[in-house]
């Protein structure tokens, strides 16, 4: 989407993943962030994955966490469809490698 080659995509990856991980609460608890950032964290897939792992460690079953799994699947589907759309619109996808 933003890169013309796999090398530039590799260089851009930390610029996307690190800030979203910070916002999602991977590096510090979400409770330490201001309220508006706490609400924004729920728009990050990492937040849902972290919450799912914490609840599994507390001993909850997969059946009680179906909402988390559905939301993570929805994120995966949305990103997949975005990639399919972008590659279908890009005529240079064969040159990406």
Foldseek 3Di string as FASTA:
>chain_A
DPDQAVVVVVVCVCVPPVVLCVLLAVVHHLVVDDPVSSVVNVVRLVNLVVVVVVVVVVPDDVVVSVVSVVVNVVVVVVVVVVVVVVVVPDPCPVVHD
